[in-house]
Amino acid sequence: MASTKITVNNNGSLKIEGDFEIVDRNGQAYDLNGRNVISLCRCGMSQNKPFCDGAHKGHFEHDAIAFQLPPKKQ
């Protein structure tokens, strides 16, 4: 099985690399034209949502530092 890696970038997008599919809320797949690396918008400013177009530059701040989530609710 191929792996998928998601990187939370500082002040920017979510970079997705590997073997993945992105679908809309109806289950229809986006045509990624063979890409195996894409970036998803986190700031909401992209004109190409859900994909990042760089609109966040200078307008979105977040230091991407990993942390442990609280335990899952039972």
PDB file of N, CA and C in Angstrom:
ATOM      1  N   MET A   1       0.846  -1.182   0.000  1.00  0.00           N
ATOM      2  CA  MET A   1       0.000   0.000   0.000  1.00  0.00           C
ATOM      3  C   MET A   1       0.893   1.247   0.000  1.00  0.00           C
ATOM      4  N   ALA A   2       0.633   2.159  -0.899  1.00  0.00           N
ATOM      5  CA  ALA A   2       1.382   3.412  -0.948  1.00  0.00           C
ATOM      6  C   ALA A   2       0.945   4.295   0.205  1.00  0.00           C
ATOM      7  N   SER A   3       1.861   5.109   0.690  1.00  0.00           N
ATOM      8  CA  SER A   3       1.523   5.973   1.813  1.00  0.00           C
ATOM      9  C   SER A   3       1.173   7.377   1.343  1.00  0.00           C
ATOM     10  N   THR A   4       0.468   8.080   2.206  1.00  0.00           N
ATOM     11  CA  THR A   4       0.108   9.462   1.966  1.00  0.00           C
ATOM     12  C   THR A   4       0.676  10.276   3.114  1.00  0.00           C
ATOM     13  N   LYS A   5       1.309  11.385   2.783  1.00  0.00           N
ATOM     14  CA  LYS A   5       1.885  12.265   3.795  1.00  0.00           C
ATOM     15  C   LYS A   5       1.201  13.617   3.689  1.00  0.00           C
ATOM     16  N   ILE A   6       0.738  14.142   4.825  1.00  0.00           N
ATOM     17  CA  ILE A   6       0.137  15.473   4.886  1.00  0.00           C
ATOM     18  C   ILE A   6       1.025  16.340   5.765  1.00  0.00           C
ATOM     19  N   THR A   7       1.501  17.446   5.205  1.00  0.00           N
ATOM     20  CA  THR A   7       2.356  18.379   5.936  1.00  0.00           C
ATOM     21  C   THR A   7       1.584  19.662   6.181  1.00  0.00           C
ATOM     22  N   VAL A   8       1.507  20.079   7.452  1.00  0.00           N
ATOM     23  CA  VAL A   8       0.878  21.346   7.807  1.00  0.00           C
ATOM     24  C   VAL A   8       1.973  22.404   7.715  1.00  0.00           C
ATOM     25  N   ASN A   9       1.883  23.258   6.709  1.00  0.00           N
ATOM     26  CA  ASN A   9       2.903  24.277   6.495  1.00  0.00           C
ATOM     27  C   ASN A   9       2.682  25.487   7.396  1.00  0.00           C
ATOM     28  N   ASN A  10       3.779  26.068   7.892  1.00  0.00           N
ATOM     29  CA  ASN A  10       3.691  27.321   8.627  1.00  0.00           C
ATOM     30  C   ASN A  10       3.032  28.368   7.738  1.00  0.00           C
ATOM     31  N   ASN A  11       2.105  29.126   8.307  1.00  0.00           N
ATOM     32  CA  ASN A  11       1.489  30.258   7.608  1.00  0.00           C
ATOM     33  C   ASN A  11       0.946  29.900   6.237  1.00  0.00           C
ATOM     34  N   GLY A  12       0.444  28.688   6.070  1.00  0.00           N
ATOM     35  CA  GLY A  12      -0.021  28.326   4.739  1.00  0.00           C
ATOM     36  C   GLY A  12      -0.842  27.060   4.676  1.00  0.00           C
ATOM     37  N   SER A  13      -0.650  26.361   3.601  1.00  0.00           N
ATOM     38  CA  SER A  13      -1.503  25.256   3.165  1.00  0.00           C
ATOM     39  C   SER A  13      -1.214  23.927   3.858  1.00  0.00           C
ATOM     40  N   LEU A  14      -2.045  22.957   3.505  1.00  0.00           N
ATOM     41  CA  LEU A  14      -1.800  21.556   3.823  1.00  0.00           C
ATOM     42  C   LEU A  14      -1.259  20.906   2.558  1.00  0.00           C
ATOM     43  N   LYS A  15      -0.031  20.434   2.606  1.00  0.00           N
ATOM     44  CA  LYS A  15       0.595  19.783   1.455  1.00  0.00           C
ATOM     45  C   LYS A  15       0.343  18.284   1.553  1.00  0.00           C
ATOM     46  N   ILE A  16      -0.234  17.714   0.491  1.00  0.00           N
ATOM     47  CA  ILE A  16      -0.542  16.295   0.458  1.00  0.00           C
ATOM     48  C   ILE A  16       0.317  15.638  -0.615  1.00  0.00           C
ATOM     49  N   GLU A  17       1.013  14.575  -0.212  1.00  0.00           N
ATOM     50  CA  GLU A  17       1.906  13.857  -1.124  1.00  0.00           C
ATOM     51  C   GLU A  17       1.597  12.373  -1.064  1.00  0.00           C
ATOM     52  N   GLY A  18       1.676  11.709  -2.192  1.00  0.00           N
ATOM     53  CA  GLY A  18       1.526  10.263  -2.217  1.00  0.00           C
ATOM     54  C   GLY A  18       0.357   9.804  -3.050  1.00  0.00           C
ATOM     55  N   ASP A  19      -0.281   8.753  -2.560  1.00  0.00           N
ATOM     56  CA  ASP A  19      -1.408   8.128  -3.245  1.00  0.00           C
ATOM     57  C   ASP A  19      -2.687   8.573  -2.546  1.00  0.00           C
ATOM     58  N   PHE A  20      -3.483   9.411  -3.198  1.00  0.00           N
ATOM     59  CA  PHE A  20      -4.692   9.932  -2.573  1.00  0.00           C
ATOM     60  C   PHE A  20      -5.716  10.296  -3.636  1.00  0.00           C
ATOM     61  N   GLU A  21      -6.931  10.471  -3.180  1.00  0.00           N
ATOM     62  CA  GLU A  21      -8.034  10.944  -4.010  1.00  0.00           C
ATOM     63  C   GLU A  21      -8.732  12.029  -3.219  1.00  0.00           C
ATOM     64  N   ILE A  22      -9.172  13.083  -3.869  1.00  0.00           N
ATOM     65  CA  ILE A  22      -9.928  14.144  -3.216  1.00  0.00           C
ATOM     66  C   ILE A  22     -11.303  14.179  -3.871  1.00  0.00           C
ATOM     67  N   VAL A  23     -12.333  14.089  -3.034  1.00  0.00           N
ATOM     68  CA  VAL A  23     -13.698  14.079  -3.544  1.00  0.00           C
ATOM     69  C   VAL A  23     -14.496  15.224  -2.932  1.00  0.00           C
ATOM     70  N   ASP A  24     -15.541  15.658  -3.644  1.00  0.00           N
ATOM     71  CA  ASP A  24     -16.426  16.689  -3.114  1.00  0.00           C
ATOM     72  C   ASP A  24     -17.451  16.043  -2.186  1.00  0.00           C
ATOM     73  N   ARG A  25     -18.365  16.832  -1.648  1.00  0.00           N
ATOM     74  CA  ARG A  25     -19.328  16.302  -0.681  1.00  0.00           C
ATOM     75  C   ARG A  25     -20.277  15.280  -1.276  1.00  0.00           C
ATOM     76  N   ASN A  26     -20.359  15.220  -2.596  1.00  0.00           N
ATOM     77  CA  ASN A  26     -21.204  14.228  -3.268  1.00  0.00           C
ATOM     78  C   ASN A  26     -20.434  12.983  -3.682  1.00  0.00           C
ATOM     79  N   GLY A  27     -19.147  12.926  -3.319  1.00  0.00           N
ATOM     80  CA  GLY A  27     -18.331  11.768  -3.656  1.00  0.00           C
ATOM     81  C   GLY A  27     -17.703  11.831  -5.036  1.00  0.00           C
ATOM     82  N   GLN A  28     -17.876  12.952  -5.747  1.00  0.00           N
ATOM     83  CA  GLN A  28     -17.279  13.112  -7.079  1.00  0.00           C
ATOM     84  C   GLN A  28     -15.807  13.494  -6.929  1.00  0.00           C
ATOM     85  N   ALA A  29     -14.946  12.783  -7.624  1.00  0.00           N
ATOM     86  CA  ALA A  29     -13.509  13.033  -7.530  1.00  0.00           C
ATOM     87  C   ALA A  29     -13.097  14.260  -8.341  1.00  0.00           C
ATOM     88  N   TYR A  30     -12.214  15.071  -7.756  1.00  0.00           N
ATOM     89  CA  TYR A  30     -11.584  16.168  -8.489  1.00  0.00           C
ATOM     90  C   TYR A  30     -10.589  15.558  -9.462  1.00  0.00           C
ATOM     91  N   ASP A  31     -10.479  16.105 -10.666  1.00  0.00           N
ATOM     92  CA  ASP A  31      -9.501  15.643 -11.650  1.00  0.00           C
ATOM     93  C   ASP A  31      -8.178  16.327 -11.337  1.00  0.00           C
ATOM     94  N   LEU A  32      -7.250  15.590 -10.764  1.00  0.00           N
ATOM     95  CA  LEU A  32      -5.955  16.136 -10.356  1.00  0.00           C
ATOM     96  C   LEU A  32      -4.915  16.054 -11.469  1.00  0.00           C
ATOM     97  N   ASN A  33      -5.333  15.607 -12.636  1.00  0.00           N
ATOM     98  CA  ASN A  33      -4.439  15.511 -13.800  1.00  0.00           C
ATOM     99  C   ASN A  33      -3.120  14.825 -13.476  1.00  0.00           C
ATOM    100  N   GLY A  34      -3.192  13.720 -12.733  1.00  0.00           N
ATOM    101  CA  GLY A  34      -2.023  12.898 -12.456  1.00  0.00           C
ATOM    102  C   GLY A  34      -1.109  13.406 -11.357  1.00  0.00           C
ATOM    103  N   ARG A  35      -1.480  14.505 -10.698  1.00  0.00           N
ATOM    104  CA  ARG A  35      -0.617  15.039  -9.635  1.00  0.00           C
ATOM    105  C   ARG A  35      -0.599  14.084  -8.442  1.00  0.00           C
ATOM    106  N   ASN A  36       0.574  13.941  -7.837  1.00  0.00           N
ATOM    107  CA  ASN A  36       0.682  13.195  -6.589  1.00  0.00           C
ATOM    108  C   ASN A  36       1.183  14.094  -5.455  1.00  0.00           C
ATOM    109  N   VAL A  37       1.233  15.397  -5.713  1.00  0.00           N
ATOM    110  CA  VAL A  37       1.515  16.415  -4.702  1.00  0.00           C
ATOM    111  C   VAL A  37       0.597  17.604  -4.983  1.00  0.00           C
ATOM    112  N   ILE A  38      -0.185  18.006  -3.991  1.00  0.00           N
ATOM    113  CA  ILE A  38      -1.051  19.186  -4.112  1.00  0.00           C
ATOM    114  C   ILE A  38      -1.071  19.898  -2.760  1.00  0.00           C
ATOM    115  N   SER A  39      -1.576  21.122  -2.748  1.00  0.00           N
ATOM    116  CA  SER A  39      -1.746  21.861  -1.498  1.00  0.00           C
ATOM    117  C   SER A  39      -3.194  22.290  -1.361  1.00  0.00           C
ATOM    118  N   LEU A  40      -3.742  22.073  -0.171  1.00  0.00           N
ATOM    119  CA  LEU A  40      -5.109  22.478   0.133  1.00  0.00           C
ATOM    120  C   LEU A  40      -5.104  23.762   0.948  1.00  0.00           C
ATOM    121  N   CYS A  41      -6.053  24.631   0.662  1.00  0.00           N
ATOM    122  CA  CYS A  41      -6.196  25.915   1.340  1.00  0.00           C
ATOM    123  C   CYS A  41      -6.632  25.714   2.788  1.00  0.00           C
ATOM    124  N   ARG A  42      -6.002  26.455   3.704  1.00  0.00           N
ATOM    125  CA  ARG A  42      -6.433  26.476   5.107  1.00  0.00           C
ATOM    126  C   ARG A  42      -6.971  27.841   5.506  1.00  0.00           C
ATOM    127  N   CYS A  43      -6.660  28.865   4.731  1.00  0.00           N
ATOM    128  CA  CYS A  43      -6.974  30.240   5.141  1.00  0.00           C
ATOM    129  C   CYS A  43      -8.334  30.712   4.658  1.00  0.00           C
ATOM    130  N   GLY A  44      -8.879  30.078   3.619  1.00  0.00           N
ATOM    131  CA  GLY A  44     -10.164  30.471   3.078  1.00  0.00           C
ATOM    132  C   GLY A  44     -10.104  31.580   2.042  1.00  0.00           C
ATOM    133  N   MET A  45      -8.899  32.061   1.708  1.00  0.00           N
ATOM    134  CA  MET A  45      -8.773  33.177   0.765  1.00  0.00           C
ATOM    135  C   MET A  45      -8.524  32.754  -0.675  1.00  0.00           C
ATOM    136  N   SER A  46      -8.253  31.488  -0.923  1.00  0.00           N
ATOM    137  CA  SER A  46      -7.943  31.014  -2.273  1.00  0.00           C
ATOM    138  C   SER A  46      -9.129  31.192  -3.209  1.00  0.00           C
ATOM    139  N   GLN A  47      -8.853  31.593  -4.428  1.00  0.00           N
ATOM    140  CA  GLN A  47      -9.883  31.659  -5.462  1.00  0.00           C
ATOM    141  C   GLN A  47     -10.054  30.300  -6.130  1.00  0.00           C
ATOM    142  N   ASN A  48      -9.247  29.326  -5.724  1.00  0.00           N
ATOM    143  CA  ASN A  48      -9.228  27.996  -6.329  1.00  0.00           C
ATOM    144  C   ASN A  48      -9.544  26.923  -5.281  1.00  0.00           C
ATOM    145  N   LYS A  49     -10.367  27.281  -4.261  1.00  0.00           N
ATOM    146  CA  LYS A  49     -10.687  26.333  -3.193  1.00  0.00           C
ATOM    147  C   LYS A  49     -11.261  25.039  -3.764  1.00  0.00           C
ATOM    148  N   PRO A  50     -10.920  23.903  -3.226  1.00  0.00           N
ATOM    149  CA  PRO A  50     -10.213  23.709  -1.976  1.00  0.00           C
ATOM    150  C   PRO A  50      -8.692  23.770  -2.109  1.00  0.00           C
ATOM    151  N   PHE A  51      -8.190  24.094  -3.282  1.00  0.00           N
ATOM    152  CA  PHE A  51      -6.751  24.093  -3.514  1.00  0.00           C
ATOM    153  C   PHE A  51      -6.149  25.459  -3.203  1.00  0.00           C
ATOM    154  N   CYS A  52      -4.913  25.450  -2.754  1.00  0.00           N
ATOM    155  CA  CYS A  52      -4.208  26.677  -2.398  1.00  0.00           C
ATOM    156  C   CYS A  52      -3.720  27.392  -3.653  1.00  0.00           C
ATOM    157  N   ASP A  53      -3.886  28.716  -3.679  1.00  0.00           N
ATOM    158  CA  ASP A  53      -3.349  29.513  -4.787  1.00  0.00           C
ATOM    159  C   ASP A  53      -2.343  30.556  -4.290  1.00  0.00           C
ATOM    160  N   GLY A  54      -1.955  30.468  -3.015  1.00  0.00           N
ATOM    161  CA  GLY A  54      -0.962  31.393  -2.455  1.00  0.00           C
ATOM    162  C   GLY A  54      -1.546  32.691  -1.921  1.00  0.00           C
ATOM    163  N   ALA A  55      -2.868  32.847  -1.940  1.00  0.00           N
ATOM    164  CA  ALA A  55      -3.509  34.083  -1.481  1.00  0.00           C
ATOM    165  C   ALA A  55      -3.239  34.367  -0.005  1.00  0.00           C
ATOM    166  N   HIS A  56      -2.850  33.361   0.762  1.00  0.00           N
ATOM    167  CA  HIS A  56      -2.623  33.514   2.195  1.00  0.00           C
ATOM    168  C   HIS A  56      -1.377  34.341   2.530  1.00  0.00           C
ATOM    169  N   LYS A  57      -0.470  34.451   1.605  1.00  0.00           N
ATOM    170  CA  LYS A  57       0.825  35.086   1.895  1.00  0.00           C
ATOM    171  C   LYS A  57       0.642  36.467   2.505  1.00  0.00           C
ATOM    172  N   GLY A  58       1.164  36.621   3.721  1.00  0.00           N
ATOM    173  CA  GLY A  58       1.084  37.879   4.440  1.00  0.00           C
ATOM    174  C   GLY A  58      -0.233  38.117   5.151  1.00  0.00           C
ATOM    175  N   HIS A  59      -1.178  37.166   5.063  1.00  0.00           N
ATOM    176  CA  HIS A  59      -2.503  37.360   5.658  1.00  0.00           C
ATOM    177  C   HIS A  59      -2.923  36.236   6.593  1.00  0.00           C
ATOM    178  N   PHE A  60      -2.083  35.251   6.794  1.00  0.00           N
ATOM    179  CA  PHE A  60      -2.465  34.076   7.571  1.00  0.00           C
ATOM    180  C   PHE A  60      -1.263  33.640   8.381  1.00  0.00           C
ATOM    181  N   GLU A  61      -1.416  33.576   9.698  1.00  0.00           N
ATOM    182  CA  GLU A  61      -0.298  33.180  10.549  1.00  0.00           C
ATOM    183  C   GLU A  61      -0.661  31.965  11.382  1.00  0.00           C
ATOM    184  N   HIS A  62       0.198  30.963  11.313  1.00  0.00           N
ATOM    185  CA  HIS A  62       0.044  29.768  12.135  1.00  0.00           C
ATOM    186  C   HIS A  62       1.368  29.030  12.158  1.00  0.00           C
ATOM    187  N   ASP A  63       1.911  28.836  13.347  1.00  0.00           N
ATOM    188  CA  ASP A  63       3.131  28.036  13.485  1.00  0.00           C
ATOM    189  C   ASP A  63       2.717  26.577  13.571  1.00  0.00           C
ATOM    190  N   ALA A  64       3.138  25.805  12.612  1.00  0.00           N
ATOM    191  CA  ALA A  64       2.761  24.392  12.534  1.00  0.00           C
ATOM    192  C   ALA A  64       3.696  23.564  13.410  1.00  0.00           C
ATOM    193  N   ILE A  65       3.304  23.372  14.654  1.00  0.00           N
ATOM    194  CA  ILE A  65       4.067  22.572  15.608  1.00  0.00           C
ATOM    195  C   ILE A  65       3.181  21.413  16.048  1.00  0.00           C
ATOM    196  N   ALA A  66       3.680  20.196  15.888  1.00  0.00           N
ATOM    197  CA  ALA A  66       2.899  19.006  16.236  1.00  0.00           C
ATOM    198  C   ALA A  66       2.631  18.940  17.742  1.00  0.00           C
ATOM    199  N   PHE A  67       1.469  18.395  18.084  1.00  0.00           N
ATOM    200  CA  PHE A  67       1.105  18.193  19.487  1.00  0.00           C
ATOM    201  C   PHE A  67       0.210  16.968  19.579  1.00  0.00           C
ATOM    202  N   GLN A  68       0.003  16.503  20.795  1.00  0.00           N
ATOM    203  CA  GLN A  68      -0.840  15.326  21.006  1.00  0.00           C
ATOM    204  C   GLN A  68      -2.277  15.758  21.232  1.00  0.00           C
ATOM    205  N   LEU A  69      -3.193  15.132  20.516  1.00  0.00           N
ATOM    206  CA  LEU A  69      -4.618  15.394  20.708  1.00  0.00           C
ATOM    207  C   LEU A  69      -5.064  14.776  22.026  1.00  0.00           C
ATOM    208  N   PRO A  70      -6.134  15.313  22.626  1.00  0.00           N
ATOM    209  CA  PRO A  70      -6.685  14.672  23.835  1.00  0.00           C
ATOM    210  C   PRO A  70      -7.238  13.302  23.470  1.00  0.00           C
ATOM    211  N   PRO A  71      -7.452  12.466  24.481  1.00  0.00           N
ATOM    212  CA  PRO A  71      -8.007  11.127  24.209  1.00  0.00           C
ATOM    213  C   PRO A  71      -9.338  11.203  23.475  1.00  0.00           C
ATOM    214  N   LYS A  72      -9.608  10.191  22.660  1.00  0.00           N
ATOM    215  CA  LYS A  72     -10.876  10.114  21.949  1.00  0.00           C
ATOM    216  C   LYS A  72     -12.017   9.977  22.943  1.00  0.00           C
ATOM    217  N   LYS A  73     -13.154  10.608  22.614  1.00  0.00           N
ATOM    218  CA  LYS A  73     -14.333  10.468  23.463  1.00  0.00           C
ATOM    219  C   LYS A  73     -14.895   9.067  23.316  1.00  0.00           C
ATOM    220  N   GLN A  74     -15.333   8.539  24.403  1.00  0.00           N
ATOM    221  CA  GLN A  74     -15.888   7.171  24.412  1.00  0.00           C
ATOM    222  C   GLN A  74     -17.359   7.174  24.151  1.00  0.00           C
TER     223      GLN A  74
END
